[in-house]
Each structure stands twice: as C-alpha cells, then as structure tokens.
Amino acid sequence: METEGPLFPGLPAVVLHCPRIPQNVGAVARVCAVGGASLHIVRPVPFELSDRTLKRSSMDYLDLLRLRDHLGWPECRAALGPRRFWLLSSSGDQSLFDTKFLPDDALLFGNESSGVPDEVRDEFAGRILRIPMPEPKARCLNLATATAISLFEVLRQTGRLVL
C-alpha cells in the first residue's frame, strides 16, 4: 500500500523497520494519523500490508494516514531525504527527553523481536534514544506505546500539540 505524492515534507516521520505484528502496525498507524505524522514501513513484513490488515487497530483513522511502504532500508532512507533520523532502542545511550527535536525529524523503530539489524544500527552512532523507565526490571515497552510516547514528545517540543 503506498500513498502517491511527495514524502510529506515538514512533518515528523515514523519509520517501522520490518515490523512483525500487524496489530502493532495498526496501532502505530492510528498514532501517526492522530499525531499528523507520516508512517513509513520498511519491508519485508510477514503479513499483507493492506487496509484490511490495518483497519482493526487503526479504527476509522486510515483516511487521515500518510503512509508509504519501502522495499528496504536504503530506499526508505533515500526517500525521506535530508531529515535527521533517530533510532529508538531500549539500549539507547541518550534519553528521548534530553533530545532537542526538529519538526521533520524521523523516528526509527526496529521490529518487536530483534530491533534493527547491526548494519542499520551502526548508522546511528550518537543518535540512539531510549525511553527512560522507572522500573529497573522492565526491558522495554510495546512498539505502539513507545511510538506514541516518542512522537508526542516531538510534537510537544515543536509546538504542534494543540492544547
């Protein structure tokens, strides 16, 4: 599934690298639609990427979604152009909340089981963020939850939240 037209300049971008769980993708789609961000899916994915697949979790927000799917990471990176990219990882070396975001930054999330491949992670030296968690025994958050927290921090910092 691909939306025609420009790659949504001026908007934050959420990138899911080879996600594995369609319900997570649907929930992230809803977060992006509500937050006014574009959603980019890097293939391969083990399910059909279609309205039907996304509809249950994203509810009736698909018409608001700016979605683009990409055959691989290099294509996605090139298509999004000169934006700043940030990798979100439970093993990140910098807090999400200590980062100064720009309105069109891109947030990259790895898949639910293994994150991003080492060759992608290697591109992000100094730009790997984590969401601090008060519970020391907790490993990580659900993909959709982490995306929502991260995207809304970008929106808060860049003045795009309407209060």
Protein backbone atom coordinates (compact mmCIF):
# COMPACT_ATOMS: atom_id res chain seq x y z
CA MET A 1 0.00 0.00 0.00
CA GLU A 2 1.52 3.34 -0.94
CA THR A 3 0.33 6.91 -0.90
CA GLU A 4 1.21 8.87 -4.02
CA GLY A 5 2.82 12.27 -3.94
CA PRO A 6 5.60 13.97 -2.03
CA LEU A 7 7.11 12.37 1.04
CA PHE A 8 5.32 14.67 3.45
CA PRO A 9 7.87 17.45 3.95
CA GLY A 10 7.67 19.41 7.19
CA LEU A 11 6.04 16.59 9.14
CA PRO A 12 7.64 14.20 11.58
CA ALA A 13 8.11 10.71 10.18
CA VAL A 14 7.75 7.40 11.99
CA VAL A 15 9.63 4.50 10.40
CA LEU A 16 8.93 0.88 11.34
CA HIS A 17 11.76 -1.41 10.26
CA CYS A 18 10.35 -4.84 9.31
CA PRO A 19 7.56 -4.96 11.92
CA ARG A 20 6.24 -8.43 12.77
CA ILE A 21 2.84 -7.88 14.41
CA PRO A 22 0.04 -6.40 12.28
CA GLN A 23 -1.89 -5.17 15.32
CA ASN A 24 1.12 -3.10 16.37
CA VAL A 25 1.35 -1.59 12.90
CA GLY A 26 -2.36 -0.75 13.05
CA ALA A 27 -1.97 0.90 16.44
CA VAL A 28 1.08 2.86 15.23
CA ALA A 29 -0.90 3.90 12.14
CA ARG A 30 -3.57 5.35 14.41
CA VAL A 31 -0.96 7.21 16.49
CA CYS A 32 0.57 8.67 13.31
CA ALA A 33 -2.82 9.66 11.88
CA VAL A 34 -3.87 11.39 15.10
CA GLY A 35 -0.44 12.99 15.53
CA GLY A 36 -0.20 14.24 11.94
CA ALA A 37 2.98 12.26 11.22
CA SER A 38 3.79 10.18 8.18
CA LEU A 39 4.27 6.43 8.63
CA HIS A 40 6.91 4.53 6.68
CA ILE A 41 7.05 0.75 6.68
CA VAL A 42 10.32 -0.93 5.68
CA ARG A 43 9.79 -4.34 4.12
CA PRO A 44 9.84 -7.26 4.40
CA VAL A 45 6.85 -7.77 6.68
CA PRO A 46 5.32 -11.22 7.33
CA PHE A 47 1.75 -10.12 6.65
CA GLU A 48 -0.18 -8.41 3.89
CA LEU A 49 0.08 -4.67 4.26
CA SER A 50 -3.44 -3.64 3.37
CA ASP A 51 -6.35 -1.57 4.62
CA ARG A 52 -7.93 -4.76 5.95
CA THR A 53 -4.84 -5.67 7.95
CA LEU A 54 -4.55 -2.20 9.49
CA LYS A 55 -8.23 -1.36 9.87
CA ARG A 56 -9.00 -3.23 13.10
CA SER A 57 -6.33 -1.49 15.20
CA SER A 58 -6.35 1.87 13.45
CA MET A 59 -10.16 2.04 13.52
CA ASP A 60 -11.53 4.74 11.22
CA TYR A 61 -8.34 6.80 11.05
CA LEU A 62 -6.87 5.29 7.88
CA ASP A 63 -8.21 8.15 5.76
CA LEU A 64 -6.04 10.54 7.83
CA LEU A 65 -2.89 8.42 7.47
CA ARG A 66 0.07 9.45 5.34
CA LEU A 67 1.53 6.01 4.62
CA ARG A 68 4.40 4.88 2.45
CA ASP A 69 5.99 1.46 2.28
CA HIS A 70 9.55 0.85 1.13
CA LEU A 71 11.25 -2.25 -0.25
CA GLY A 72 14.19 -1.86 2.15
CA TRP A 73 16.07 0.45 4.47
CA PRO A 74 18.27 2.13 1.80
CA GLU A 75 15.18 3.03 -0.25
CA CYS A 76 13.41 4.43 2.82
CA ARG A 77 16.42 6.46 3.90
CA ALA A 78 16.83 7.92 0.42
CA ALA A 79 13.12 8.66 0.01
CA LEU A 80 12.92 10.61 3.26
CA GLY A 81 15.85 12.78 2.20
CA PRO A 82 17.95 15.04 4.41
CA ARG A 83 15.99 14.68 7.63
CA ARG A 84 17.60 13.89 10.92
CA PHE A 85 16.99 10.28 11.88
CA TRP A 86 16.84 8.96 15.45
CA LEU A 87 16.81 5.27 16.38
CA LEU A 88 14.70 4.34 19.38
CA SER A 89 16.03 1.38 21.32
CA SER A 90 15.77 0.05 24.87
CA SER A 91 19.58 0.07 24.83
CA GLY A 92 19.87 3.68 23.69
CA ASP A 93 22.59 5.85 25.14
CA GLN A 94 20.56 9.07 25.36
CA SER A 95 17.15 9.82 26.87
CA LEU A 96 14.36 10.73 24.49
CA PHE A 97 13.56 13.60 26.84
CA ASP A 98 17.08 15.07 26.68
CA THR A 99 16.94 15.39 22.89
CA LYS A 100 16.04 18.58 21.03
CA PHE A 101 13.82 17.65 18.07
CA LEU A 102 13.07 19.42 14.81
CA PRO A 103 9.58 19.38 13.22
CA ASP A 104 10.53 16.97 10.40
CA ASP A 105 12.76 14.55 12.32
CA ALA A 106 12.35 10.84 11.59
CA LEU A 107 11.99 8.27 14.37
CA LEU A 108 13.09 4.73 13.51
CA PHE A 109 11.79 1.73 15.44
CA GLY A 110 13.04 -1.82 14.95
CA ASN A 111 10.85 -4.88 14.91
CA GLU A 112 9.32 -6.29 18.06
CA SER A 113 11.66 -9.24 18.50
CA SER A 114 15.12 -8.15 17.36
CA GLY A 115 15.16 -4.40 16.73
CA VAL A 116 17.12 -3.28 13.67
CA PRO A 117 19.98 -5.19 12.03
CA ASP A 118 23.51 -4.26 13.14
CA GLU A 119 24.30 -2.58 9.80
CA VAL A 120 21.35 -0.19 10.31
CA ARG A 121 22.17 0.38 13.99
CA ASP A 122 25.76 1.26 13.02
CA GLU A 123 24.45 4.29 11.09
CA PHE A 124 23.11 5.83 14.28
CA ALA A 125 26.17 6.42 16.47
CA GLY A 126 25.23 9.17 18.91
CA ARG A 127 21.60 9.15 17.78
CA ILE A 128 20.18 6.13 19.64
CA LEU A 129 17.48 7.18 22.08
CA ARG A 130 15.77 5.32 24.89
CA ILE A 131 12.61 5.98 26.82
CA PRO A 132 13.61 6.01 30.50
CA MET A 133 11.62 3.58 32.61
CA PRO A 134 11.35 3.89 36.39
CA GLU A 135 11.07 0.12 36.89
CA PRO A 136 14.63 -1.30 36.66
CA LYS A 137 13.40 -4.83 35.92
CA ALA A 138 11.41 -3.70 32.85
CA ARG A 139 13.10 -4.39 29.50
CA CYS A 140 11.05 -2.35 27.07
CA LEU A 141 7.67 -1.00 26.07
CA ASN A 142 5.31 -2.27 23.38
CA LEU A 143 6.15 -0.88 19.91
CA ALA A 144 2.93 1.14 19.63
CA THR A 145 3.32 2.57 23.14
CA ALA A 146 6.95 3.56 22.52
CA THR A 147 5.96 5.17 19.23
CA ALA A 148 3.18 7.19 20.85
CA ILE A 149 5.43 8.46 23.65
CA SER A 150 8.21 9.37 21.22
CA LEU A 151 6.05 11.03 18.57
CA PHE A 152 4.12 13.09 21.07
CA GLU A 153 7.39 14.29 22.64
CA VAL A 154 8.45 15.52 19.18
CA LEU A 155 5.06 17.21 18.73
CA ARG A 156 5.24 18.78 22.20
CA GLN A 157 8.72 20.17 21.63
CA THR A 158 7.96 21.53 18.18
CA GLY A 159 4.72 23.26 19.15
CA ARG A 160 2.45 21.01 17.09
CA LEU A 161 0.21 19.95 20.01
CA VAL A 162 -2.98 21.97 20.17
CA LEU A 163 -3.98 22.39 23.80
